[in-house]
Amino acid sequence: MERKIVDCSSALRESFFIMLVLYPSVIMAKQFTLGKKERLKSRKQTELLFSEGKKFSVYPFRICYTRSRTGMAGTRFGVGVSTKLFKKAVDRNRVKRLVREAWRLQKRSFQEQLKEQGSGMDVFFIYTSKELPLYKDVYEKTGKVLLKLSQLSAETT
């Protein structure tokens, strides 16, 4: 069995170095994390999000979002990949890892906007394509989703 060595995506390296130059104190303060409090984990909260939340699409994602009911500022994030699209758990987990990483690196400005508004948002990404994505594509589309979410949050206030 032949093992392939995968090099880190140049887009990921480039974005990290840009962040390191622009925000050196942020890198040291661990602002680019995705901790327990930022994850959407409760089944009750997830069901509420899908039943009462609003939806939009940015291919290859279907986004479901709603204002947080807890009253805390910030975002909670979740991601899902259908078993019907990817039979192997390895493939589903890879897609989820890529999406979480892209979210983690780009969420900061969106979270700052929500803090200024004094509100929070629950966001769930559903991957809808049948093909395994490249990190570069996931990163770009996640950026578009965050831009649309920030526009939607500005309209509602």
Protein backbone atom coordinates (compact mmCIF):
# COMPACT_ATOMS: atom_id res chain seq x y z
CA MET A 1 0.00 0.00 0.00
CA GLU A 2 1.49 3.30 -1.08
CA ARG A 3 1.34 6.26 1.35
CA LYS A 4 0.96 9.73 -0.04
CA ILE A 5 2.56 12.69 1.67
CA VAL A 6 0.21 15.65 1.53
CA ASP A 7 1.74 19.10 1.74
CA CYS A 8 -0.08 21.83 3.66
CA SER A 9 -2.18 23.93 1.35
CA SER A 10 -0.46 27.09 0.20
CA ALA A 11 -3.63 29.08 0.95
CA LEU A 12 -3.53 27.88 4.56
CA ARG A 13 0.16 28.75 4.93
CA GLU A 14 -0.38 32.13 3.30
CA SER A 15 -3.35 33.01 5.53
CA PHE A 16 -1.42 31.96 8.64
CA PHE A 17 1.56 34.17 7.75
CA ILE A 18 -0.72 37.11 6.97
CA MET A 19 -2.39 36.66 10.36
CA LEU A 20 1.00 36.36 12.03
CA VAL A 21 2.12 39.67 10.50
CA LEU A 22 -1.15 41.56 11.05
CA TYR A 23 -2.18 40.13 14.40
CA PRO A 24 0.86 38.81 16.27
CA SER A 25 -0.72 39.39 19.68
CA VAL A 26 -3.86 37.54 18.61
CA ILE A 27 -1.86 34.47 17.65
CA MET A 28 -0.23 34.53 21.04
CA ALA A 29 -3.58 35.03 22.80
CA LYS A 30 -5.08 31.95 21.09
CA GLN A 31 -7.95 33.89 19.52
CA PHE A 32 -8.07 31.52 16.56
CA THR A 33 -9.45 28.55 18.46
CA LEU A 34 -12.70 26.66 18.30
CA GLY A 35 -13.42 25.75 21.91
CA LYS A 36 -16.26 23.93 23.62
CA LYS A 37 -18.31 27.08 24.17
CA GLU A 38 -18.18 27.87 20.46
CA ARG A 39 -19.47 24.49 19.31
CA LEU A 40 -23.10 23.64 18.78
CA LYS A 41 -23.37 20.35 20.65
CA SER A 42 -26.74 20.05 22.36
CA ARG A 43 -29.32 17.98 20.51
CA LYS A 44 -32.09 20.27 21.80
CA GLN A 45 -30.34 23.40 20.47
CA THR A 46 -29.63 21.73 17.14
CA GLU A 47 -33.27 20.62 16.72
CA LEU A 48 -34.43 24.13 17.61
CA LEU A 49 -32.01 25.55 15.05
CA PHE A 50 -33.36 23.32 12.27
CA SER A 51 -37.02 23.84 13.17
CA GLU A 52 -37.01 27.62 13.71
CA GLY A 53 -33.85 28.72 11.91
CA LYS A 54 -33.51 30.44 8.56
CA LYS A 55 -31.66 28.82 5.68
CA PHE A 56 -29.66 29.83 2.63
CA SER A 57 -27.23 28.14 0.26
CA VAL A 58 -23.74 28.91 -0.92
CA TYR A 59 -22.66 25.92 -2.97
CA PRO A 60 -21.49 23.41 -1.70
CA PHE A 61 -23.03 24.39 1.65
CA ARG A 62 -26.54 24.68 3.01
CA ILE A 63 -26.47 27.05 5.98
CA CYS A 64 -28.99 27.07 8.79
CA TYR A 65 -28.76 29.92 11.30
CA THR A 66 -30.69 31.58 14.08
CA ARG A 67 -30.15 34.12 16.82
CA SER A 68 -28.90 32.60 20.06
CA ARG A 69 -31.55 32.20 22.72
CA THR A 70 -29.05 32.23 25.56
CA GLY A 71 -28.47 35.98 25.29
CA MET A 72 -24.70 35.57 25.19
CA ALA A 73 -22.76 37.39 22.52
CA GLY A 74 -20.83 35.25 20.05
CA THR A 75 -21.41 32.33 17.78
CA ARG A 76 -21.88 28.63 18.12
CA PHE A 77 -20.97 26.51 15.14
CA GLY A 78 -21.70 23.02 13.86
CA VAL A 79 -21.05 21.09 10.67
CA GLY A 80 -22.60 17.97 9.18
CA VAL A 81 -21.96 15.71 6.20
CA SER A 82 -24.52 13.20 4.96
CA THR A 83 -23.85 9.48 5.10
CA LYS A 84 -25.73 9.18 1.83
CA LEU A 85 -23.13 11.36 0.07
CA PHE A 86 -20.03 9.86 1.71
CA LYS A 87 -20.26 6.24 2.79
CA LYS A 88 -16.84 6.20 4.45
CA ALA A 89 -16.47 7.92 7.82
CA VAL A 90 -12.93 8.92 6.85
CA ASP A 91 -14.29 11.07 4.01
CA ARG A 92 -17.05 12.61 6.16
CA ASN A 93 -14.58 13.44 8.90
CA ARG A 94 -12.15 15.01 6.41
CA VAL A 95 -14.83 17.33 5.05
CA LYS A 96 -15.86 18.32 8.58
CA ARG A 97 -12.24 18.98 9.54
CA LEU A 98 -11.71 21.22 6.52
CA VAL A 99 -14.87 23.22 7.21
CA ARG A 100 -14.06 23.63 10.91
CA GLU A 101 -10.55 24.83 10.08
CA ALA A 102 -11.79 27.36 7.52
CA TRP A 103 -14.40 28.63 10.02
CA ARG A 104 -11.85 28.84 12.83
CA LEU A 105 -9.48 31.00 10.79
CA GLN A 106 -12.12 33.40 9.43
CA LYS A 107 -14.71 33.81 12.19
CA ARG A 108 -13.01 36.64 14.11
CA SER A 109 -14.46 39.68 12.32
CA PHE A 110 -17.95 38.13 12.34
CA GLN A 111 -17.74 37.48 16.07
CA GLU A 112 -16.56 41.03 16.72
CA GLN A 113 -19.54 42.37 14.78
CA LEU A 114 -21.93 40.26 16.86
CA LYS A 115 -20.28 41.41 20.09
CA GLU A 116 -20.78 45.05 19.04
CA GLN A 117 -24.44 44.28 18.43
CA GLY A 118 -24.63 42.44 21.75
CA SER A 119 -26.13 39.36 20.17
CA GLY A 120 -25.21 35.79 19.34
CA MET A 121 -25.87 33.42 16.50
CA ASP A 122 -26.03 29.66 16.05
CA VAL A 123 -24.78 28.49 12.64
CA PHE A 124 -24.82 25.00 11.13
CA PHE A 125 -23.09 24.08 7.85
CA ILE A 126 -24.37 21.12 5.83
CA TYR A 127 -22.05 19.94 3.06
CA THR A 128 -24.13 19.04 -0.02
CA SER A 129 -21.66 18.15 -2.79
CA LYS A 130 -20.83 14.56 -3.70
CA GLU A 131 -17.13 15.31 -4.25
CA LEU A 132 -14.37 15.66 -1.70
CA PRO A 133 -13.46 19.35 -1.59
CA LEU A 134 -10.08 21.06 -1.71
CA TYR A 135 -9.22 23.22 1.28
CA LYS A 136 -8.84 26.30 -0.94
CA ASP A 137 -12.44 25.98 -2.15
CA VAL A 138 -13.80 25.38 1.36
CA TYR A 139 -11.88 28.43 2.64
CA GLU A 140 -13.28 30.69 -0.10
CA LYS A 141 -16.87 29.50 0.31
CA THR A 142 -16.69 29.80 4.10
CA GLY A 143 -15.57 33.39 3.65
CA LYS A 144 -18.59 34.05 1.43
CA VAL A 145 -20.89 32.47 4.00
CA LEU A 146 -19.44 34.63 6.78
CA LEU A 147 -19.88 37.74 4.64
CA LYS A 148 -23.53 36.86 3.99
CA LEU A 149 -24.12 36.07 7.68
CA SER A 150 -22.64 39.42 8.72
CA GLN A 151 -24.91 41.20 6.22
CA LEU A 152 -27.94 39.31 7.53
CA SER A 153 -27.08 40.08 11.15
CA ALA A 154 -26.65 43.78 10.30
CA GLU A 155 -30.07 43.85 8.59
CA THR A 156 -31.91 42.33 11.53
CA THR A 157 -30.64 44.89 14.04
